[in-house]
C-alpha cells in the first residue's frame, strides 16, 4: 500500500511512503530528476505511517504514525 505522495516546496523532489513485502516497515522514497533514494523510516508504526508534509525549506519530511 502506498501512502499519498508529496512534492517538495520548490517542486523539484517528490516523496512517498510504501510498505514492501507485507513487512509493515515504512519505506520513504524521495526522488528528483536524477536520484531515487529509498530508506526505512519507521518499523514501530505497525503499517500506519503516513506522509504529512515537507518542511518549508524542503530539507525535512514529517511522517505521522
PDB file of N, CA and C in Angstrom:
ATOM      1  N   UNK A   1       0.852  -1.172   0.000  1.00  0.00           N
ATOM      2  CA  UNK A   1       0.000   0.000   0.000  1.00  0.00           C
ATOM      3  C   UNK A   1       0.897   1.233   0.000  1.00  0.00           C
ATOM      4  N   UNK A   2       0.680   2.133  -0.906  1.00  0.00           N
ATOM      5  CA  UNK A   2       1.432   3.380  -0.945  1.00  0.00           C
ATOM      6  C   UNK A   2       0.618   4.487  -0.306  1.00  0.00           C
ATOM      7  N   UNK A   3       1.293   5.300   0.493  1.00  0.00           N
ATOM      8  CA  UNK A   3       0.651   6.458   1.104  1.00  0.00           C
ATOM      9  C   UNK A   3       0.686   7.616   0.123  1.00  0.00           C
ATOM     10  N   UNK A   4      -0.172   8.609   0.313  1.00  0.00           N
ATOM     11  CA  UNK A   4      -0.167   9.757  -0.593  1.00  0.00           C
ATOM     12  C   UNK A   4       1.217  10.380  -0.706  1.00  0.00           C
ATOM     13  N   UNK A   5       1.503  10.880  -1.875  1.00  0.00           N
ATOM     14  CA  UNK A   5       2.811  11.458  -2.131  1.00  0.00           C
ATOM     15  C   UNK A   5       2.783  12.963  -1.960  1.00  0.00           C
ATOM     16  N   UNK A   6       3.964  13.546  -1.925  1.00  0.00           N
ATOM     17  CA  UNK A   6       4.043  14.987  -1.763  1.00  0.00           C
ATOM     18  C   UNK A   6       5.244  15.571  -2.476  1.00  0.00           C
ATOM     19  N   UNK A   7       5.027  16.685  -3.112  1.00  0.00           N
ATOM     20  CA  UNK A   7       6.098  17.424  -3.783  1.00  0.00           C
ATOM     21  C   UNK A   7       6.762  18.370  -2.791  1.00  0.00           C
ATOM     22  N   UNK A   8       8.075  18.541  -2.936  1.00  0.00           N
ATOM     23  CA  UNK A   8       8.806  19.492  -2.101  1.00  0.00           C
ATOM     24  C   UNK A   8       8.307  20.904  -2.401  1.00  0.00           C
ATOM     25  N   UNK A   9       8.533  21.836  -1.481  1.00  0.00           N
ATOM     26  CA  UNK A   9       8.044  23.206  -1.682  1.00  0.00           C
ATOM     27  C   UNK A   9       8.534  23.850  -2.988  1.00  0.00           C
ATOM     28  N   UNK A  10       9.747  23.507  -3.413  1.00  0.00           N
ATOM     29  CA  UNK A  10      10.249  24.101  -4.662  1.00  0.00           C
ATOM     30  C   UNK A  10       9.880  23.287  -5.897  1.00  0.00           C
ATOM     31  N   UNK A  11       9.183  22.155  -5.700  1.00  0.00           N
ATOM     32  CA  UNK A  11       8.700  21.362  -6.815  1.00  0.00           C
ATOM     33  C   UNK A  11       9.749  20.503  -7.512  1.00  0.00           C
ATOM     34  N   UNK A  12      10.935  20.343  -6.921  1.00  0.00           N
ATOM     35  CA  UNK A  12      11.994  19.582  -7.587  1.00  0.00           C
ATOM     36  C   UNK A  12      12.124  18.149  -7.091  1.00  0.00           C
ATOM     37  N   UNK A  13      11.504  17.805  -5.950  1.00  0.00           N
ATOM     38  CA  UNK A  13      11.593  16.463  -5.386  1.00  0.00           C
ATOM     39  C   UNK A  13      10.200  15.964  -5.043  1.00  0.00           C
ATOM     40  N   UNK A  14      10.069  14.653  -5.037  1.00  0.00           N
ATOM     41  CA  UNK A  14       8.813  14.030  -4.653  1.00  0.00           C
ATOM     42  C   UNK A  14       9.114  12.960  -3.607  1.00  0.00           C
ATOM     43  N   UNK A  15       8.193  12.750  -2.677  1.00  0.00           N
ATOM     44  CA  UNK A  15       8.372  11.742  -1.635  1.00  0.00           C
ATOM     45  C   UNK A  15       7.080  10.962  -1.450  1.00  0.00           C
ATOM     46  N   UNK A  16       7.227   9.672  -1.143  1.00  0.00           N
ATOM     47  CA  UNK A  16       6.062   8.864  -0.807  1.00  0.00           C
ATOM     48  C   UNK A  16       6.495   7.724   0.101  1.00  0.00           C
ATOM     49  N   UNK A  17       5.537   7.178   0.816  1.00  0.00           N
ATOM     50  CA  UNK A  17       5.777   6.029   1.691  1.00  0.00           C
ATOM     51  C   UNK A  17       5.187   4.785   1.050  1.00  0.00           C
ATOM     52  N   UNK A  18       5.845   3.674   1.250  1.00  0.00           N
ATOM     53  CA  UNK A  18       5.304   2.400   0.795  1.00  0.00           C
ATOM     54  C   UNK A  18       5.682   1.328   1.810  1.00  0.00           C
ATOM     55  N   UNK A  19       5.078   0.180   1.678  1.00  0.00           N
ATOM     56  CA  UNK A  19       5.348  -0.956   2.553  1.00  0.00           C
ATOM     57  C   UNK A  19       5.711  -2.131   1.664  1.00  0.00           C
ATOM     58  N   UNK A  20       6.963  -2.577   1.758  1.00  0.00           N
ATOM     59  CA  UNK A  20       7.439  -3.654   0.901  1.00  0.00           C
ATOM     60  C   UNK A  20       7.185  -5.012   1.528  1.00  0.00           C
ATOM     61  N   UNK A  21       6.772  -5.954   0.739  1.00  0.00           N
ATOM     62  CA  UNK A  21       6.682  -7.353   1.152  1.00  0.00           C
ATOM     63  C   UNK A  21       5.852  -7.586   2.405  1.00  0.00           C
ATOM     64  N   UNK A  22       4.779  -6.879   2.577  1.00  0.00           N
ATOM     65  CA  UNK A  22       3.887  -7.069   3.723  1.00  0.00           C
ATOM     66  C   UNK A  22       4.591  -6.919   5.065  1.00  0.00           C
ATOM     67  N   UNK A  23       5.711  -6.185   5.118  1.00  0.00           N
ATOM     68  CA  UNK A  23       6.522  -6.134   6.335  1.00  0.00           C
ATOM     69  C   UNK A  23       6.035  -5.112   7.359  1.00  0.00           C
ATOM     70  N   UNK A  24       5.208  -4.184   6.974  1.00  0.00           N
ATOM     71  CA  UNK A  24       4.730  -3.102   7.833  1.00  0.00           C
ATOM     72  C   UNK A  24       5.846  -2.154   8.260  1.00  0.00           C
ATOM     73  N   UNK A  25       7.004  -2.223   7.596  1.00  0.00           N
ATOM     74  CA  UNK A  25       8.073  -1.258   7.802  1.00  0.00           C
ATOM     75  C   UNK A  25       7.917  -0.199   6.728  1.00  0.00           C
ATOM     76  N   UNK A  26       7.744   1.041   7.150  1.00  0.00           N
ATOM     77  CA  UNK A  26       7.534   2.129   6.193  1.00  0.00           C
ATOM     78  C   UNK A  26       8.844   2.429   5.467  1.00  0.00           C
ATOM     79  N   UNK A  27       8.764   2.519   4.152  1.00  0.00           N
ATOM     80  CA  UNK A  27       9.907   2.880   3.325  1.00  0.00           C
ATOM     81  C   UNK A  27       9.607   4.237   2.708  1.00  0.00           C
ATOM     82  N   UNK A  28      10.417   5.220   3.055  1.00  0.00           N
ATOM     83  CA  UNK A  28      10.285   6.551   2.473  1.00  0.00           C
ATOM     84  C   UNK A  28      11.141   6.597   1.219  1.00  0.00           C
ATOM     85  N   UNK A  29      10.548   6.989   0.105  1.00  0.00           N
ATOM     86  CA  UNK A  29      11.298   7.131  -1.136  1.00  0.00           C
ATOM     87  C   UNK A  29      11.232   8.583  -1.568  1.00  0.00           C
ATOM     88  N   UNK A  30      12.398   9.156  -1.811  1.00  0.00           N
ATOM     89  CA  UNK A  30      12.490  10.522  -2.313  1.00  0.00           C
ATOM     90  C   UNK A  30      13.176  10.476  -3.671  1.00  0.00           C
ATOM     91  N   UNK A  31      12.721  11.286  -4.583  1.00  0.00           N
ATOM     92  CA  UNK A  31      13.315  11.303  -5.912  1.00  0.00           C
ATOM     93  C   UNK A  31      13.361  12.722  -6.452  1.00  0.00           C
ATOM     94  N   UNK A  32      14.410  12.993  -7.210  1.00  0.00           N
ATOM     95  CA  UNK A  32      14.460  14.221  -8.000  1.00  0.00           C
ATOM     96  C   UNK A  32      14.744  13.795  -9.436  1.00  0.00           C
ATOM     97  N   UNK A  33      15.213  14.674 -10.256  1.00  0.00           N
ATOM     98  CA  UNK A  33      15.385  14.345 -11.667  1.00  0.00           C
ATOM     99  C   UNK A  33      16.492  13.324 -11.919  1.00  0.00           C
ATOM    100  N   UNK A  34      17.374  13.089 -10.935  1.00  0.00           N
ATOM    101  CA  UNK A  34      18.489  12.182 -11.194  1.00  0.00           C
ATOM    102  C   UNK A  34      18.656  11.056 -10.172  1.00  0.00           C
ATOM    103  N   UNK A  35      18.064  11.158  -8.991  1.00  0.00           N
ATOM    104  CA  UNK A  35      18.327  10.183  -7.925  1.00  0.00           C
ATOM    105  C   UNK A  35      17.018   9.735  -7.274  1.00  0.00           C
ATOM    106  N   UNK A  36      16.929   8.438  -6.997  1.00  0.00           N
ATOM    107  CA  UNK A  36      15.837   7.881  -6.198  1.00  0.00           C
ATOM    108  C   UNK A  36      16.479   7.289  -4.955  1.00  0.00           C
ATOM    109  N   UNK A  37      16.021   7.720  -3.772  1.00  0.00           N
ATOM    110  CA  UNK A  37      16.627   7.282  -2.513  1.00  0.00           C
ATOM    111  C   UNK A  37      15.582   6.638  -1.602  1.00  0.00           C
ATOM    112  N   UNK A  38      15.512   5.301  -1.560  1.00  0.00           N
ATOM    113  CA  UNK A  38      14.625   4.663  -0.587  1.00  0.00           C
ATOM    114  C   UNK A  38      15.347   4.435   0.731  1.00  0.00           C
ATOM    115  N   UNK A  39      14.628   4.566   1.841  1.00  0.00           N
ATOM    116  CA  UNK A  39      15.204   4.256   3.148  1.00  0.00           C
ATOM    117  C   UNK A  39      14.090   3.883   4.122  1.00  0.00           C
ATOM    118  N   UNK A  40      14.379   2.917   5.004  1.00  0.00           N
ATOM    119  CA  UNK A  40      13.403   2.532   6.018  1.00  0.00           C
ATOM    120  C   UNK A  40      13.330   3.638   7.055  1.00  0.00           C
ATOM    121  N   UNK A  41      12.131   4.086   7.375  1.00  0.00           N
ATOM    122  CA  UNK A  41      11.991   5.198   8.309  1.00  0.00           C
ATOM    123  C   UNK A  41      11.206   4.859   9.570  1.00  0.00           C
ATOM    124  N   UNK A  42      10.412   3.828   9.531  1.00  0.00           N
ATOM    125  CA  UNK A  42       9.595   3.558  10.712  1.00  0.00           C
ATOM    126  C   UNK A  42       9.242   2.074  10.772  1.00  0.00           C
ATOM    127  N   UNK A  43       9.785   1.394  11.774  1.00  0.00           N
ATOM    128  CA  UNK A  43       9.439  -0.011  11.950  1.00  0.00           C
ATOM    129  C   UNK A  43       8.456  -0.203  13.093  1.00  0.00           C
ATOM    130  N   UNK A  44       8.160   0.859  13.842  1.00  0.00           N
ATOM    131  CA  UNK A  44       7.277   0.726  15.005  1.00  0.00           C
ATOM    132  C   UNK A  44       5.871   1.267  14.762  1.00  0.00           C
ATOM    133  N   UNK A  45       5.592   1.711  13.556  1.00  0.00           N
ATOM    134  CA  UNK A  45       4.262   2.269  13.269  1.00  0.00           C
ATOM    135  C   UNK A  45       3.250   1.197  12.906  1.00  0.00           C
ATOM    136  N   UNK A  46       3.699  -0.048  12.787  1.00  0.00           N
ATOM    137  CA  UNK A  46       2.806  -1.173  12.512  1.00  0.00           C
ATOM    138  C   UNK A  46       1.937  -0.960  11.275  1.00  0.00           C
ATOM    139  N   UNK A  47       2.530  -0.416  10.231  1.00  0.00           N
ATOM    140  CA  UNK A  47       1.816  -0.236   8.977  1.00  0.00           C
ATOM    141  C   UNK A  47       0.949   1.003   8.911  1.00  0.00           C
ATOM    142  N   UNK A  48       1.072   1.902   9.878  1.00  0.00           N
ATOM    143  CA  UNK A  48       0.187   3.066   9.895  1.00  0.00           C
ATOM    144  C   UNK A  48       0.901   4.388   9.601  1.00  0.00           C
ATOM    145  N   UNK A  49       2.169   4.357   9.198  1.00  0.00           N
ATOM    146  CA  UNK A  49       2.886   5.599   8.911  1.00  0.00           C
ATOM    147  C   UNK A  49       2.260   6.297   7.702  1.00  0.00           C
ATOM    148  N   UNK A  50       2.226   7.611   7.754  1.00  0.00           N
ATOM    149  CA  UNK A  50       1.652   8.400   6.662  1.00  0.00           C
ATOM    150  C   UNK A  50       2.527   9.615   6.408  1.00  0.00           C
ATOM    151  N   UNK A  51       2.730   9.923   5.135  1.00  0.00           N
ATOM    152  CA  UNK A  51       3.426  11.136   4.747  1.00  0.00           C
ATOM    153  C   UNK A  51       2.530  12.322   5.098  1.00  0.00           C
ATOM    154  N   UNK A  52       3.075  13.345   5.764  1.00  0.00           N
ATOM    155  CA  UNK A  52       2.276  14.512   6.120  1.00  0.00           C
ATOM    156  C   UNK A  52       2.682  15.748   5.323  1.00  0.00           C
ATOM    157  N   UNK A  53       3.942  16.148   5.435  1.00  0.00           N
ATOM    158  CA  UNK A  53       4.343  17.363   4.723  1.00  0.00           C
ATOM    159  C   UNK A  53       5.854  17.527   4.714  1.00  0.00           C
ATOM    160  N   UNK A  54       6.311  18.390   3.830  1.00  0.00           N
ATOM    161  CA  UNK A  54       7.707  18.826   3.783  1.00  0.00           C
ATOM    162  C   UNK A  54       7.869  20.031   4.699  1.00  0.00           C
ATOM    163  N   UNK A  55       9.095  20.228   5.200  1.00  0.00           N
ATOM    164  CA  UNK A  55       9.390  21.482   5.900  1.00  0.00           C
ATOM    165  C   UNK A  55       9.411  22.596   4.858  1.00  0.00           C
ATOM    166  N   UNK A  56       9.189  23.840   5.260  1.00  0.00           N
ATOM    167  CA  UNK A  56       9.155  24.945   4.300  1.00  0.00           C
ATOM    168  C   UNK A  56      10.424  25.061   3.446  1.00  0.00           C
ATOM    169  N   UNK A  57      11.582  24.679   4.021  1.00  0.00           N
ATOM    170  CA  UNK A  57      12.820  24.790   3.245  1.00  0.00           C
ATOM    171  C   UNK A  57      13.131  23.527   2.439  1.00  0.00           C
ATOM    172  N   UNK A  58      12.297  22.502   2.532  1.00  0.00           N
ATOM    173  CA  UNK A  58      12.464  21.284   1.741  1.00  0.00           C
ATOM    174  C   UNK A  58      13.553  20.347   2.213  1.00  0.00           C
ATOM    175  N   UNK A  59      14.048  20.496   3.446  1.00  0.00           N
ATOM    176  CA  UNK A  59      15.125  19.650   3.937  1.00  0.00           C
ATOM    177  C   UNK A  59      14.651  18.533   4.848  1.00  0.00           C
ATOM    178  N   UNK A  60      13.386  18.579   5.305  1.00  0.00           N
ATOM    179  CA  UNK A  60      12.855  17.569   6.208  1.00  0.00           C
ATOM    180  C   UNK A  60      11.452  17.167   5.771  1.00  0.00           C
ATOM    181  N   UNK A  61      11.058  15.963   6.200  1.00  0.00           N
ATOM    182  CA  UNK A  61       9.722  15.450   5.895  1.00  0.00           C
ATOM    183  C   UNK A  61       9.076  15.002   7.200  1.00  0.00           C
ATOM    184  N   UNK A  62       7.831  15.372   7.396  1.00  0.00           N
ATOM    185  CA  UNK A  62       7.064  14.961   8.574  1.00  0.00           C
ATOM    186  C   UNK A  62       6.288  13.692   8.231  1.00  0.00           C
ATOM    187  N   UNK A  63       6.507  12.649   9.041  1.00  0.00           N
ATOM    188  CA  UNK A  63       5.810  11.385   8.907  1.00  0.00           C
ATOM    189  C   UNK A  63       4.987  11.182  10.168  1.00  0.00           C
ATOM    190  N   UNK A  64       3.728  10.780  10.020  1.00  0.00           N
ATOM    191  CA  UNK A  64       2.871  10.534  11.176  1.00  0.00           C
ATOM    192  C   UNK A  64       2.621   9.037  11.312  1.00  0.00           C
ATOM    193  N   UNK A  65       2.770   8.533  12.536  1.00  0.00           N
ATOM    194  CA  UNK A  65       2.457   7.127  12.822  1.00  0.00           C
ATOM    195  C   UNK A  65       1.045   7.023  13.338  1.00  0.00           C
TER     196      UNK A  65
END
